[in-house]
Structure formats: C-alpha cells, structure tokens
Amino acid sequence: MPKISQQRMRAWRIALPPLPEQTAIVRFLDEQTASLDRAAQAARREIDLLEELRTRLIADVVTGKLDVREVAARLPEEEDESELLDELEAGAGVGGGAGDLDETPVEAEA
C-alpha cells in the first residue's frame, strides 16, 4: 500500500508469543523439517552422482573407451520426423474435431 507511512505502521499492534514459546515453535519446526532436509540432501547427492555418471559415459563413448556398436545395432530404427508429423496430421485430422486429450499436440507452422 503506497499511502501507508512508517509512522502509521509503527502504531500497529502485533501480537507476539513470549520468547520461550517462540523458541519452542522454532525448535519444533526444525525437528519436523529435519527429515525433509535430509531427503533433499540425499536427492541432490543422487542427482550429482547421476550427472557425473552421464558425463563419464559420454566421455568414454566419445574417446572410444566404451564400445556401443553392438547395443546401437539393436536399437529400433528411427523414423524421419517429417514422416511422424505427416502421420499425426493425417490421423488427428488437424483443424477438425476436438481431438484426443492423450494425443501429443501438433504445433502449427508459421
């Protein structure tokens, strides 16, 4: 509120619990959130380890320390993106009907 002055705000009365009660509230909240803090730290550590593993795997593949030719040969063939878009447009009837909510939306071309 731009029209409230500091003098007016100083006149407001705010109820505060006594200091021992404030301390008890803080202690309670710290105890209750400690498990959440530990879980967040564990998740962050796992994310860091996965990022490190990803970086290491990429480096090993690029440098040839890890041979992925056999695994790559077993991967399914990739379809051309334009063919996928054509199939989506033909099947969904772009521009007509409400469509299926589970379908991936097709972006309009500019």
PDB file of N, CA and C in Angstrom:
ATOM      1  N   MET A   1       0.849  -1.163   0.000  1.00  0.00           N
ATOM      2  CA  MET A   1       0.000   0.000   0.000  1.00  0.00           C
ATOM      3  C   MET A   1       0.902   1.235   0.000  1.00  0.00           C
ATOM      4  N   PRO A   2       0.930   1.956  -1.062  1.00  0.00           N
ATOM      5  CA  PRO A   2       1.860   3.071  -1.176  1.00  0.00           C
ATOM      6  C   PRO A   2       1.551   4.240  -0.234  1.00  0.00           C
ATOM      7  N   LYS A   3       0.329   4.361   0.297  1.00  0.00           N
ATOM      8  CA  LYS A   3      -0.035   5.516   1.111  1.00  0.00           C
ATOM      9  C   LYS A   3       0.172   5.300   2.608  1.00  0.00           C
ATOM     10  N   ILE A   4       0.661   4.143   3.016  1.00  0.00           N
ATOM     11  CA  ILE A   4       0.861   3.879   4.440  1.00  0.00           C
ATOM     12  C   ILE A   4       2.253   4.371   4.828  1.00  0.00           C
ATOM     13  N   SER A   5       2.321   5.241   5.795  1.00  0.00           N
ATOM     14  CA  SER A   5       3.601   5.786   6.234  1.00  0.00           C
ATOM     15  C   SER A   5       4.229   4.885   7.294  1.00  0.00           C
ATOM     16  N   GLN A   6       5.503   5.079   7.507  1.00  0.00           N
ATOM     17  CA  GLN A   6       6.205   4.310   8.537  1.00  0.00           C
ATOM     18  C   GLN A   6       5.635   4.635   9.907  1.00  0.00           C
ATOM     19  N   GLN A   7       5.261   5.892  10.117  1.00  0.00           N
ATOM     20  CA  GLN A   7       4.699   6.300  11.398  1.00  0.00           C
ATOM     21  C   GLN A   7       3.406   5.537  11.681  1.00  0.00           C
ATOM     22  N   ARG A   8       2.580   5.384  10.652  1.00  0.00           N
ATOM     23  CA  ARG A   8       1.315   4.658  10.821  1.00  0.00           C
ATOM     24  C   ARG A   8       1.584   3.174  11.088  1.00  0.00           C
ATOM     25  N   MET A   9       2.568   2.621  10.397  1.00  0.00           N
ATOM     26  CA  MET A   9       2.899   1.210  10.596  1.00  0.00           C
ATOM     27  C   MET A   9       3.438   0.970  12.001  1.00  0.00           C
ATOM     28  N   ARG A  10       4.201   1.915  12.538  1.00  0.00           N
ATOM     29  CA  ARG A  10       4.731   1.767  13.894  1.00  0.00           C
ATOM     30  C   ARG A  10       3.615   1.755  14.933  1.00  0.00           C
ATOM     31  N   ALA A  11       2.495   2.355  14.615  1.00  0.00           N
ATOM     32  CA  ALA A  11       1.370   2.414  15.553  1.00  0.00           C
ATOM     33  C   ALA A  11       0.591   1.100  15.597  1.00  0.00           C
ATOM     34  N   TRP A  12       0.791   0.227  14.622  1.00  0.00           N
ATOM     35  CA  TRP A  12       0.068  -1.036  14.599  1.00  0.00           C
ATOM     36  C   TRP A  12       0.529  -1.909  15.763  1.00  0.00           C
ATOM     37  N   ARG A  13      -0.385  -2.647  16.304  1.00  0.00           N
ATOM     38  CA  ARG A  13      -0.065  -3.593  17.375  1.00  0.00           C
ATOM     39  C   ARG A  13      -0.047  -5.003  16.783  1.00  0.00           C
ATOM     40  N   ILE A  14       1.022  -5.693  17.085  1.00  0.00           N
ATOM     41  CA  ILE A  14       1.187  -7.055  16.568  1.00  0.00           C
ATOM     42  C   ILE A  14       1.376  -7.982  17.758  1.00  0.00           C
ATOM     43  N   ALA A  15       0.587  -9.030  17.793  1.00  0.00           N
ATOM     44  CA  ALA A  15       0.679  -9.993  18.891  1.00  0.00           C
ATOM     45  C   ALA A  15       1.848 -10.935  18.640  1.00  0.00           C
ATOM     46  N   LEU A  16       2.737 -11.028  19.619  1.00  0.00           N
ATOM     47  CA  LEU A  16       3.868 -11.951  19.549  1.00  0.00           C
ATOM     48  C   LEU A  16       3.839 -12.840  20.784  1.00  0.00           C
ATOM     49  N   PRO A  17       4.062 -14.131  20.597  1.00  0.00           N
ATOM     50  CA  PRO A  17       4.131 -15.002  21.775  1.00  0.00           C
ATOM     51  C   PRO A  17       5.395 -14.679  22.572  1.00  0.00           C
ATOM     52  N   PRO A  18       5.434 -15.056  23.829  1.00  0.00           N
ATOM     53  CA  PRO A  18       6.636 -14.822  24.632  1.00  0.00           C
ATOM     54  C   PRO A  18       7.848 -15.534  24.025  1.00  0.00           C
ATOM     55  N   LEU A  19       9.029 -15.038  24.312  1.00  0.00           N
ATOM     56  CA  LEU A  19      10.262 -15.578  23.727  1.00  0.00           C
ATOM     57  C   LEU A  19      10.430 -17.082  23.949  1.00  0.00           C
ATOM     58  N   PRO A  20      10.155 -17.632  25.137  1.00  0.00           N
ATOM     59  CA  PRO A  20      10.284 -19.100  25.292  1.00  0.00           C
ATOM     60  C   PRO A  20       9.348 -19.873  24.346  1.00  0.00           C
ATOM     61  N   GLU A  21       8.148 -19.337  24.128  1.00  0.00           N
ATOM     62  CA  GLU A  21       7.211 -20.001  23.206  1.00  0.00           C
ATOM     63  C   GLU A  21       7.712 -19.890  21.770  1.00  0.00           C
ATOM     64  N   GLN A  22       8.272 -18.743  21.404  1.00  0.00           N
ATOM     65  CA  GLN A  22       8.842 -18.588  20.067  1.00  0.00           C
ATOM     66  C   GLN A  22       9.971 -19.595  19.853  1.00  0.00           C
ATOM     67  N   THR A  23      10.808 -19.744  20.872  1.00  0.00           N
ATOM     68  CA  THR A  23      11.919 -20.692  20.799  1.00  0.00           C
ATOM     69  C   THR A  23      11.399 -22.125  20.653  1.00  0.00           C
ATOM     70  N   ALA A  24      10.353 -22.460  21.392  1.00  0.00           N
ATOM     71  CA  ALA A  24       9.767 -23.798  21.307  1.00  0.00           C
ATOM     72  C   ALA A  24       9.184 -24.049  19.920  1.00  0.00           C
ATOM     73  N   ILE A  25       8.560 -23.037  19.340  1.00  0.00           N
ATOM     74  CA  ILE A  25       7.997 -23.172  17.986  1.00  0.00           C
ATOM     75  C   ILE A  25       9.113 -23.420  16.976  1.00  0.00           C
ATOM     76  N   VAL A  26      10.185 -22.651  17.085  1.00  0.00           N
ATOM     77  CA  VAL A  26      11.309 -22.816  16.161  1.00  0.00           C
ATOM     78  C   VAL A  26      11.919 -24.207  16.308  1.00  0.00           C
ATOM     79  N   ARG A  27      12.101 -24.660  17.537  1.00  0.00           N
ATOM     80  CA  ARG A  27      12.674 -25.991  17.780  1.00  0.00           C
ATOM     81  C   ARG A  27      11.775 -27.074  17.176  1.00  0.00           C
ATOM     82  N   PHE A  28      10.468 -26.946  17.380  1.00  0.00           N
ATOM     83  CA  PHE A  28       9.518 -27.917  16.828  1.00  0.00           C
ATOM     84  C   PHE A  28       9.611 -27.958  15.301  1.00  0.00           C
ATOM     85  N   LEU A  29       9.628 -26.772  14.670  1.00  0.00           N
ATOM     86  CA  LEU A  29       9.697 -26.721  13.204  1.00  0.00           C
ATOM     87  C   LEU A  29      11.012 -27.287  12.694  1.00  0.00           C
ATOM     88  N   ASP A  30      12.101 -27.017  13.401  1.00  0.00           N
ATOM     89  CA  ASP A  30      13.392 -27.582  12.999  1.00  0.00           C
ATOM     90  C   ASP A  30      13.372 -29.107  13.056  1.00  0.00           C
ATOM     91  N   GLU A  31      12.780 -29.657  14.105  1.00  0.00           N
ATOM     92  CA  GLU A  31      12.687 -31.111  14.235  1.00  0.00           C
ATOM     93  C   GLU A  31      11.821 -31.713  13.139  1.00  0.00           C
ATOM     94  N   GLN A  32      10.708 -31.045  12.840  1.00  0.00           N
ATOM     95  CA  GLN A  32       9.777 -31.571  11.838  1.00  0.00           C
ATOM     96  C   GLN A  32      10.342 -31.495  10.425  1.00  0.00           C
ATOM     97  N   THR A  33      11.160 -30.489  10.134  1.00  0.00           N
ATOM     98  CA  THR A  33      11.690 -30.326   8.779  1.00  0.00           C
ATOM     99  C   THR A  33      13.054 -30.990   8.589  1.00  0.00           C
ATOM    100  N   ALA A  34      13.647 -31.519   9.660  1.00  0.00           N
ATOM    101  CA  ALA A  34      14.968 -32.146   9.549  1.00  0.00           C
ATOM    102  C   ALA A  34      14.942 -33.323   8.573  1.00  0.00           C
ATOM    103  N   SER A  35      13.903 -34.149   8.625  1.00  0.00           N
ATOM    104  CA  SER A  35      13.837 -35.302   7.715  1.00  0.00           C
ATOM    105  C   SER A  35      13.687 -34.840   6.267  1.00  0.00           C
ATOM    106  N   LEU A  36      12.959 -33.744   6.057  1.00  0.00           N
ATOM    107  CA  LEU A  36      12.833 -33.203   4.700  1.00  0.00           C
ATOM    108  C   LEU A  36      14.175 -32.676   4.203  1.00  0.00           C
ATOM    109  N   ASP A  37      14.912 -32.029   5.097  1.00  0.00           N
ATOM    110  CA  ASP A  37      16.237 -31.532   4.728  1.00  0.00           C
ATOM    111  C   ASP A  37      17.166 -32.678   4.347  1.00  0.00           C
ATOM    112  N   ARG A  38      17.128 -33.768   5.136  1.00  0.00           N
ATOM    113  CA  ARG A  38      17.975 -34.930   4.831  1.00  0.00           C
ATOM    114  C   ARG A  38      17.574 -35.550   3.490  1.00  0.00           C
ATOM    115  N   ALA A  39      16.273 -35.648   3.237  1.00  0.00           N
ATOM    116  CA  ALA A  39      15.803 -36.223   1.966  1.00  0.00           C
ATOM    117  C   ALA A  39      16.235 -35.347   0.789  1.00  0.00           C
ATOM    118  N   ALA A  40      16.145 -34.043   0.955  1.00  0.00           N
ATOM    119  CA  ALA A  40      16.556 -33.124  -0.117  1.00  0.00           C
ATOM    120  C   ALA A  40      18.055 -33.236  -0.379  1.00  0.00           C
ATOM    121  N   GLN A  41      18.846 -33.346   0.685  1.00  0.00           N
ATOM    122  CA  GLN A  41      20.297 -33.511   0.519  1.00  0.00           C
ATOM    123  C   GLN A  41      20.627 -34.834  -0.172  1.00  0.00           C
ATOM    124  N   ALA A  42      19.926 -35.903   0.189  1.00  0.00           N
ATOM    125  CA  ALA A  42      20.165 -37.206  -0.439  1.00  0.00           C
ATOM    126  C   ALA A  42      19.792 -37.161  -1.919  1.00  0.00           C
ATOM    127  N   ALA A  43      18.680 -36.520  -2.235  1.00  0.00           N
ATOM    128  CA  ALA A  43      18.255 -36.399  -3.636  1.00  0.00           C
ATOM    129  C   ALA A  43      19.265 -35.577  -4.429  1.00  0.00           C
ATOM    130  N   ARG A  44      19.749 -34.480  -3.836  1.00  0.00           N
ATOM    131  CA  ARG A  44      20.739 -33.640  -4.525  1.00  0.00           C
ATOM    132  C   ARG A  44      22.016 -34.436  -4.791  1.00  0.00           C
ATOM    133  N   ARG A  45      22.430 -35.250  -3.808  1.00  0.00           N
ATOM    134  CA  ARG A  45      23.632 -36.076  -3.969  1.00  0.00           C
ATOM    135  C   ARG A  45      23.435 -37.107  -5.083  1.00  0.00           C
ATOM    136  N   GLU A  46      22.261 -37.721  -5.141  1.00  0.00           N
ATOM    137  CA  GLU A  46      21.975 -38.688  -6.207  1.00  0.00           C
ATOM    138  C   GLU A  46      21.987 -38.015  -7.571  1.00  0.00           C
ATOM    139  N   ILE A  47      21.409 -36.833  -7.651  1.00  0.00           N
ATOM    140  CA  ILE A  47      21.411 -36.089  -8.915  1.00  0.00           C
ATOM    141  C   ILE A  47      22.841 -35.785  -9.346  1.00  0.00           C
ATOM    142  N   ASP A  48      23.668 -35.335  -8.389  1.00  0.00           N
ATOM    143  CA  ASP A  48      25.068 -35.043  -8.708  1.00  0.00           C
ATOM    144  C   ASP A  48      25.799 -36.285  -9.203  1.00  0.00           C
ATOM    145  N   LEU A  49      25.557 -37.428  -8.551  1.00  0.00           N
ATOM    146  CA  LEU A  49      26.205 -38.667  -8.972  1.00  0.00           C
ATOM    147  C   LEU A  49      25.733 -39.105 -10.361  1.00  0.00           C
ATOM    148  N   LEU A  50      24.436 -38.958 -10.637  1.00  0.00           N
ATOM    149  CA  LEU A  50      23.922 -39.321 -11.965  1.00  0.00           C
ATOM    150  C   LEU A  50      24.492 -38.403 -13.051  1.00  0.00           C
ATOM    151  N   GLU A  51      24.618 -37.116 -12.737  1.00  0.00           N
ATOM    152  CA  GLU A  51      25.215 -36.192 -13.709  1.00  0.00           C
ATOM    153  C   GLU A  51      26.676 -36.552 -13.968  1.00  0.00           C
ATOM    154  N   GLU A  52      27.391 -36.928 -12.899  1.00  0.00           N
ATOM    155  CA  GLU A  52      28.784 -37.341 -13.037  1.00  0.00           C
ATOM    156  C   GLU A  52      28.883 -38.615 -13.877  1.00  0.00           C
ATOM    157  N   LEU A  53      27.990 -39.572 -13.638  1.00  0.00           N
ATOM    158  CA  LEU A  53      27.978 -40.815 -14.411  1.00  0.00           C
ATOM    159  C   LEU A  53      27.680 -40.532 -15.880  1.00  0.00           C
ATOM    160  N   ARG A  54      26.713 -39.670 -16.139  1.00  0.00           N
ATOM    161  CA  ARG A  54      26.354 -39.315 -17.518  1.00  0.00           C
ATOM    162  C   ARG A  54      27.548 -38.697 -18.236  1.00  0.00           C
ATOM    163  N   THR A  55      28.206 -37.755 -17.570  1.00  0.00           N
ATOM    164  CA  THR A  55      29.377 -37.105 -18.161  1.00  0.00           C
ATOM    165  C   THR A  55      30.468 -38.122 -18.448  1.00  0.00           C
ATOM    166  N   ARG A  56      30.699 -39.024 -17.506  1.00  0.00           N
ATOM    167  CA  ARG A  56      31.726 -40.049 -17.678  1.00  0.00           C
ATOM    168  C   ARG A  56      31.381 -40.995 -18.834  1.00  0.00           C
ATOM    169  N   LEU A  57      30.121 -41.414 -18.919  1.00  0.00           N
ATOM    170  CA  LEU A  57      29.711 -42.306 -20.016  1.00  0.00           C
ATOM    171  C   LEU A  57      29.883 -41.626 -21.371  1.00  0.00           C
ATOM    172  N   ILE A  58      29.488 -40.367 -21.461  1.00  0.00           N
ATOM    173  CA  ILE A  58      29.648 -39.636 -22.723  1.00  0.00           C
ATOM    174  C   ILE A  58      31.129 -39.553 -23.096  1.00  0.00           C
ATOM    175  N   ALA A  59      31.955 -39.227 -22.116  1.00  0.00           N
ATOM    176  CA  ALA A  59      33.399 -39.131 -22.374  1.00  0.00           C
ATOM    177  C   ALA A  59      33.961 -40.475 -22.826  1.00  0.00           C
ATOM    178  N   ASP A  60      33.546 -41.558 -22.180  1.00  0.00           N
ATOM    179  CA  ASP A  60      34.034 -42.891 -22.552  1.00  0.00           C
ATOM    180  C   ASP A  60      33.595 -43.296 -23.950  1.00  0.00           C
ATOM    181  N   VAL A  61      32.372 -42.945 -24.333  1.00  0.00           N
ATOM    182  CA  VAL A  61      31.899 -43.276 -25.677  1.00  0.00           C
ATOM    183  C   VAL A  61      32.642 -42.446 -26.711  1.00  0.00           C
ATOM    184  N   VAL A  62      32.794 -41.159 -26.456  1.00  0.00           N
ATOM    185  CA  VAL A  62      33.457 -40.274 -27.413  1.00  0.00           C
ATOM    186  C   VAL A  62      34.924 -40.653 -27.608  1.00  0.00           C
ATOM    187  N   THR A  63      35.594 -41.039 -26.532  1.00  0.00           N
ATOM    188  CA  THR A  63      37.016 -41.388 -26.632  1.00  0.00           C
ATOM    189  C   THR A  63      37.240 -42.828 -27.087  1.00  0.00           C
ATOM    190  N   GLY A  64      36.162 -43.612 -27.197  1.00  0.00           N
ATOM    191  CA  GLY A  64      36.287 -44.985 -27.663  1.00  0.00           C
ATOM    192  C   GLY A  64      36.605 -45.979 -26.561  1.00  0.00           C
ATOM    193  N   LYS A  65      36.601 -45.561 -25.311  1.00  0.00           N
ATOM    194  CA  LYS A  65      36.858 -46.476 -24.201  1.00  0.00           C
ATOM    195  C   LYS A  65      35.683 -47.410 -23.968  1.00  0.00           C
ATOM    196  N   LEU A  66      34.526 -47.011 -24.432  1.00  0.00           N
ATOM    197  CA  LEU A  66      33.325 -47.818 -24.288  1.00  0.00           C
ATOM    198  C   LEU A  66      32.759 -48.070 -25.681  1.00  0.00           C
ATOM    199  N   ASP A  67      32.647 -49.337 -26.050  1.00  0.00           N
ATOM    200  CA  ASP A  67      32.155 -49.705 -27.374  1.00  0.00           C
ATOM    201  C   ASP A  67      30.642 -49.887 -27.312  1.00  0.00           C
ATOM    202  N   VAL A  68      29.910 -49.069 -28.051  1.00  0.00           N
ATOM    203  CA  VAL A  68      28.451 -49.130 -28.032  1.00  0.00           C
ATOM    204  C   VAL A  68      27.876 -49.608 -29.368  1.00  0.00           C
ATOM    205  N   ARG A  69      28.726 -50.095 -30.256  1.00  0.00           N
ATOM    206  CA  ARG A  69      28.239 -50.502 -31.579  1.00  0.00           C
ATOM    207  C   ARG A  69      27.236 -51.646 -31.503  1.00  0.00           C
ATOM    208  N   GLU A  70      27.496 -52.624 -30.633  1.00  0.00           N
ATOM    209  CA  GLU A  70      26.581 -53.766 -30.523  1.00  0.00           C
ATOM    210  C   GLU A  70      25.215 -53.325 -29.994  1.00  0.00           C
ATOM    211  N   VAL A  71      25.228 -52.500 -28.983  1.00  0.00           N
ATOM    212  CA  VAL A  71      23.969 -52.006 -28.410  1.00  0.00           C
ATOM    213  C   VAL A  71      23.248 -51.114 -29.413  1.00  0.00           C
ATOM    214  N   ALA A  72      23.989 -50.267 -30.104  1.00  0.00           N
ATOM    215  CA  ALA A  72      23.390 -49.370 -31.090  1.00  0.00           C
ATOM    216  C   ALA A  72      22.759 -50.155 -32.232  1.00  0.00           C
ATOM    217  N   ALA A  73      23.340 -51.286 -32.587  1.00  0.00           N
ATOM    218  CA  ALA A  73      22.801 -52.105 -33.676  1.00  0.00           C
ATOM    219  C   ALA A  73      21.446 -52.699 -33.298  1.00  0.00           C
ATOM    220  N   ARG A  74      21.197 -52.886 -31.991  1.00  0.00           N
ATOM    221  CA  ARG A  74      19.929 -53.474 -31.548  1.00  0.00           C
ATOM    222  C   ARG A  74      18.832 -52.439 -31.342  1.00  0.00           C
ATOM    223  N   LEU A  75      19.160 -51.159 -31.478  1.00  0.00           N
ATOM    224  CA  LEU A  75      18.149 -50.118 -31.293  1.00  0.00           C
ATOM    225  C   LEU A  75      17.162 -50.140 -32.461  1.00  0.00           C
ATOM    226  N   PRO A  76      15.897 -49.802 -32.202  1.00  0.00           N
ATOM    227  CA  PRO A  76      14.942 -49.750 -33.312  1.00  0.00           C
ATOM    228  C   PRO A  76      15.290 -48.602 -34.249  1.00  0.00           C
ATOM    229  N   GLU A  77      14.909 -48.773 -35.488  1.00  0.00           N
ATOM    230  CA  GLU A  77      15.160 -47.739 -36.491  1.00  0.00           C
ATOM    231  C   GLU A  77      14.384 -46.484 -36.134  1.00  0.00           C
ATOM    232  N   GLU A  78      15.014 -45.328 -36.325  1.00  0.00           N
ATOM    233  CA  GLU A  78      14.332 -44.057 -36.074  1.00  0.00           C
ATOM    234  C   GLU A  78      13.543 -43.673 -37.314  1.00  0.00           C
ATOM    235  N   GLU A  79      12.336 -43.168 -37.069  1.00  0.00           N
ATOM    236  CA  GLU A  79      11.538 -42.684 -38.181  1.00  0.00           C
ATOM    237  C   GLU A  79      11.889 -41.230 -38.431  1.00  0.00           C
ATOM    238  N   ASP A  80      11.778 -40.827 -39.673  1.00  0.00           N
ATOM    239  CA  ASP A  80      12.029 -39.444 -40.036  1.00  0.00           C
ATOM    240  C   ASP A  80      10.978 -38.567 -39.366  1.00  0.00           C
ATOM    241  N   GLU A  81      11.390 -37.450 -38.804  1.00  0.00           N
ATOM    242  CA  GLU A  81      10.475 -36.572 -38.077  1.00  0.00           C
ATOM    243  C   GLU A  81       9.341 -36.069 -38.971  1.00  0.00           C
ATOM    244  N   SER A  82       9.635 -35.777 -40.221  1.00  0.00           N
ATOM    245  CA  SER A  82       8.587 -35.279 -41.108  1.00  0.00           C
ATOM    246  C   SER A  82       7.543 -36.364 -41.376  1.00  0.00           C
ATOM    247  N   GLU A  83       7.971 -37.642 -41.427  1.00  0.00           N
ATOM    248  CA  GLU A  83       7.017 -38.728 -41.613  1.00  0.00           C
ATOM    249  C   GLU A  83       6.105 -38.845 -40.393  1.00  0.00           C
ATOM    250  N   LEU A  84       6.673 -38.693 -39.212  1.00  0.00           N
ATOM    251  CA  LEU A  84       5.862 -38.748 -37.995  1.00  0.00           C
ATOM    252  C   LEU A  84       4.834 -37.625 -37.978  1.00  0.00           C
ATOM    253  N   LEU A  85       5.236 -36.440 -38.364  1.00  0.00           N
ATOM    254  CA  LEU A  85       4.300 -35.308 -38.402  1.00  0.00           C
ATOM    255  C   LEU A  85       3.186 -35.551 -39.424  1.00  0.00           C
ATOM    256  N   ASP A  86       3.548 -36.113 -40.576  1.00  0.00           N
ATOM    257  CA  ASP A  86       2.535 -36.410 -41.580  1.00  0.00           C
ATOM    258  C   ASP A  86       1.523 -37.413 -41.049  1.00  0.00           C
ATOM    259  N   GLU A  87       2.008 -38.452 -40.344  1.00  0.00           N
ATOM    260  CA  GLU A  87       1.113 -39.451 -39.770  1.00  0.00           C
ATOM    261  C   GLU A  87       0.200 -38.831 -38.716  1.00  0.00           C
ATOM    262  N   LEU A  88       0.755 -37.982 -37.877  1.00  0.00           N
ATOM    263  CA  LEU A  88      -0.049 -37.318 -36.848  1.00  0.00           C
ATOM    264  C   LEU A  88      -1.126 -36.441 -37.472  1.00  0.00           C
ATOM    265  N   GLU A  89      -0.744 -35.674 -38.487  1.00  0.00           N
ATOM    266  CA  GLU A  89      -1.701 -34.785 -39.132  1.00  0.00           C
ATOM    267  C   GLU A  89      -2.810 -35.584 -39.813  1.00  0.00           C
ATOM    268  N   ALA A  90      -2.456 -36.681 -40.450  1.00  0.00           N
ATOM    269  CA  ALA A  90      -3.452 -37.492 -41.145  1.00  0.00           C
ATOM    270  C   ALA A  90      -4.381 -38.180 -40.153  1.00  0.00           C
ATOM    271  N   GLY A  91      -3.834 -38.688 -39.059  1.00  0.00           N
ATOM    272  CA  GLY A  91      -4.627 -39.424 -38.078  1.00  0.00           C
ATOM    273  C   GLY A  91      -5.473 -38.526 -37.199  1.00  0.00           C
ATOM    274  N   ALA A  92      -4.979 -37.361 -36.858  1.00  0.00           N
ATOM    275  CA  ALA A  92      -5.685 -36.481 -35.928  1.00  0.00           C
ATOM    276  C   ALA A  92      -6.640 -35.553 -36.647  1.00  0.00           C
ATOM    277  N   GLY A  93      -6.518 -35.440 -37.932  1.00  0.00           N
ATOM    278  CA  GLY A  93      -7.389 -34.519 -38.656  1.00  0.00           C
ATOM    279  C   GLY A  93      -7.168 -33.100 -38.169  1.00  0.00           C
ATOM    280  N   VAL A  94      -5.964 -32.599 -38.340  1.00  0.00           N
ATOM    281  CA  VAL A  94      -5.605 -31.276 -37.835  1.00  0.00           C
ATOM    282  C   VAL A  94      -6.613 -30.246 -38.298  1.00  0.00           C
ATOM    283  N   GLY A  95      -7.100 -29.471 -37.314  1.00  0.00           N
ATOM    284  CA  GLY A  95      -8.046 -28.419 -37.634  1.00  0.00           C
ATOM    285  C   GLY A  95      -9.484 -28.859 -37.510  1.00  0.00           C
ATOM    286  N   GLY A  96      -9.745 -30.133 -37.338  1.00  0.00           N
ATOM    287  CA  GLY A  96     -11.125 -30.595 -37.256  1.00  0.00           C
ATOM    288  C   GLY A  96     -11.350 -31.417 -36.011  1.00  0.00           C
ATOM    289  N   GLY A  97     -12.472 -31.248 -35.355  1.00  0.00           N
ATOM    290  CA  GLY A  97     -12.827 -32.042 -34.184  1.00  0.00           C
ATOM    291  C   GLY A  97     -12.084 -31.597 -32.947  1.00  0.00           C
ATOM    292  N   ALA A  98     -12.506 -32.173 -31.813  1.00  0.00           N
ATOM    293  CA  ALA A  98     -11.929 -31.794 -30.533  1.00  0.00           C
ATOM    294  C   ALA A  98     -10.595 -32.476 -30.296  1.00  0.00           C
ATOM    295  N   GLY A  99     -10.361 -33.636 -30.906  1.00  0.00           N
ATOM    296  CA  GLY A  99      -9.111 -34.359 -30.707  1.00  0.00           C
ATOM    297  C   GLY A  99      -9.124 -35.135 -29.408  1.00  0.00           C
ATOM    298  N   ASP A 100      -8.092 -35.949 -29.218  1.00  0.00           N
ATOM    299  CA  ASP A 100      -7.956 -36.774 -28.023  1.00  0.00           C
ATOM    300  C   ASP A 100      -7.038 -36.067 -27.045  1.00  0.00           C
ATOM    301  N   LEU A 101      -7.413 -36.015 -25.788  1.00  0.00           N
ATOM    302  CA  LEU A 101      -6.622 -35.311 -24.791  1.00  0.00           C
ATOM    303  C   LEU A 101      -5.277 -35.987 -24.550  1.00  0.00           C
ATOM    304  N   ASP A 102      -5.176 -37.290 -24.823  1.00  0.00           N
ATOM    305  CA  ASP A 102      -3.924 -38.001 -24.609  1.00  0.00           C
ATOM    306  C   ASP A 102      -2.946 -37.834 -25.755  1.00  0.00           C
ATOM    307  N   GLU A 103      -3.378 -37.269 -26.868  1.00  0.00           N
ATOM    308  CA  GLU A 103      -2.509 -37.100 -28.010  1.00  0.00           C
ATOM    309  C   GLU A 103      -1.542 -35.955 -27.788  1.00  0.00           C
ATOM    310  N   THR A 104      -0.353 -36.090 -28.404  1.00  0.00           N
ATOM    311  CA  THR A 104       0.614 -35.020 -28.347  1.00  0.00           C
ATOM    312  C   THR A 104       0.151 -33.923 -29.297  1.00  0.00           C
ATOM    313  N   PRO A 105       0.096 -32.664 -28.822  1.00  0.00           N
ATOM    314  CA  PRO A 105      -0.365 -31.585 -29.701  1.00  0.00           C
ATOM    315  C   PRO A 105       0.618 -31.342 -30.817  1.00  0.00           C
ATOM    316  N   VAL A 106       0.109 -30.999 -31.981  1.00  0.00           N
ATOM    317  CA  VAL A 106       0.927 -30.700 -33.147  1.00  0.00           C
ATOM    318  C   VAL A 106       0.983 -29.194 -33.279  1.00  0.00           C
ATOM    319  N   GLU A 107       2.203 -28.649 -33.330  1.00  0.00           N
ATOM    320  CA  GLU A 107       2.358 -27.205 -33.441  1.00  0.00           C
ATOM    321  C   GLU A 107       2.073 -26.763 -34.857  1.00  0.00           C
ATOM    322  N   ALA A 108       1.431 -25.619 -34.985  1.00  0.00           N
ATOM    323  CA  ALA A 108       1.124 -25.069 -36.291  1.00  0.00           C
ATOM    324  C   ALA A 108       2.387 -24.445 -36.892  1.00  0.00           C
ATOM    325  N   GLU A 109       2.521 -24.570 -38.195  1.00  0.00           N
ATOM    326  CA  GLU A 109       3.676 -23.971 -38.853  1.00  0.00           C
ATOM    327  C   GLU A 109       3.426 -22.488 -39.044  1.00  0.00           C
ATOM    328  N   ALA A 110       4.509 -21.708 -38.921  1.00  0.00           N
ATOM    329  CA  ALA A 110       4.381 -20.253 -39.036  1.00  0.00           C
ATOM    330  C   ALA A 110       4.278 -19.818 -40.471  1.00  0.00           C
TER     331      ALA A 110
END
